[in-house]
Amino acid sequence: MGATSVLSFIYFLVHLILVIRYRSRAEQKLKYFYSSIEDKSLHWINIFIIGLLLVVILDSIAGIIFVSSGIYEVSVINLLFLLALTWYIGYNGLIQRPISENLHDFQLQKETNRQEQSSNHTEYEELKKRLLAIIEEKKLYQDEDVSLRILSEYMDVPIKKVSHLINQYLDTTFYNLMNTYRIDMFKEKVKKGELEQKTILALALESGFNSKATFNRVFKQNEGMTPSQYVSASG
C-alpha cells in the first residue's frame, strides 16, 4: 500500500470516528425535543458509514493495482461511488433538516444554562406547575407527534426555557417525560378493565405510543417487566 493510500485510510478512519460520534450524540439529543423518535431515525447514517468503509477498501485496492500494473479504472469507480454517497447523505440530510435545526437549538440552549440557573427559582416553580397542568389538561402525551416546540407554544414560553425546565428542574428529557405519562395512562386503562374489550397494543396506541416495539421497550425500561407480565400480575 502506497503512502497516498495510507493517508487516505487515516483520513477516512478519522471521519468515520467523527460520524459515529455525531450519530450517537444526535440520537440522544432527539430525546430532548421529541416524544417519539423512531420515525426520525438516523439509521441512514449507518449506510453512510458503511459507504465510507467501502470507499477505503476500494481506494486501497486501487493503490495496490496501480502499484502492480498501473491500471486506473478502479479509481474511476471509487470516484463514482463517492459521488453517489455524497448525493445520498445530502438527500437524507435535507429530509431531516428540521431535526438538525432543533439539535442546533439544543447546543445554544446548553451554552446558556449557566445564565438560566441564576434565574428566579420561584419563576421556574410556577413554570413547572403550568407545564404539568398543560400536559395533563391537554393530554399532549396521547399525540405521538407532540414535540417540545408544541409544548412551548402551549405555554407561550421560549423553547430554550422549557427545555431547561424539563432537563434541570424535572431532571428528565421530554421523551422520557411523555413516555412516563403514556405508561401511566396504559396502566390506568388496564386497571379500569379495558383489556376485556381491547388488546394490549390497542391500549398502548391510545396512550400515545406509535408502535408495539417502542411500547414494549419503553415499558420494560420503566417498569422492569414486559406489558404482558404487568397485565398478568395485575390480574
Foldseek 3Di string as FASTA:
>chain_A
DDPVLVVLLVVLVVVLVVLVVVQVVLVVVVLQWAQDCPVVDPCLSVVLSVLSVVLSVLSVVQVVCCVVPNDRVSVVVSVVSVVVSVVSVVVSCVVNVVSVVVVVVVVVLVVCLVVVVPDDPVVLVVVVVVLVVCCVVVVQLLANGDTLVNSCVVVVHDSSNSSSSCCPVVVDHNNLVSVVQLVVQLVVCLVVVVCVPPPSVVSSNSSRDDDPVVNQVSCCVVPVDGPVVVSVVVD
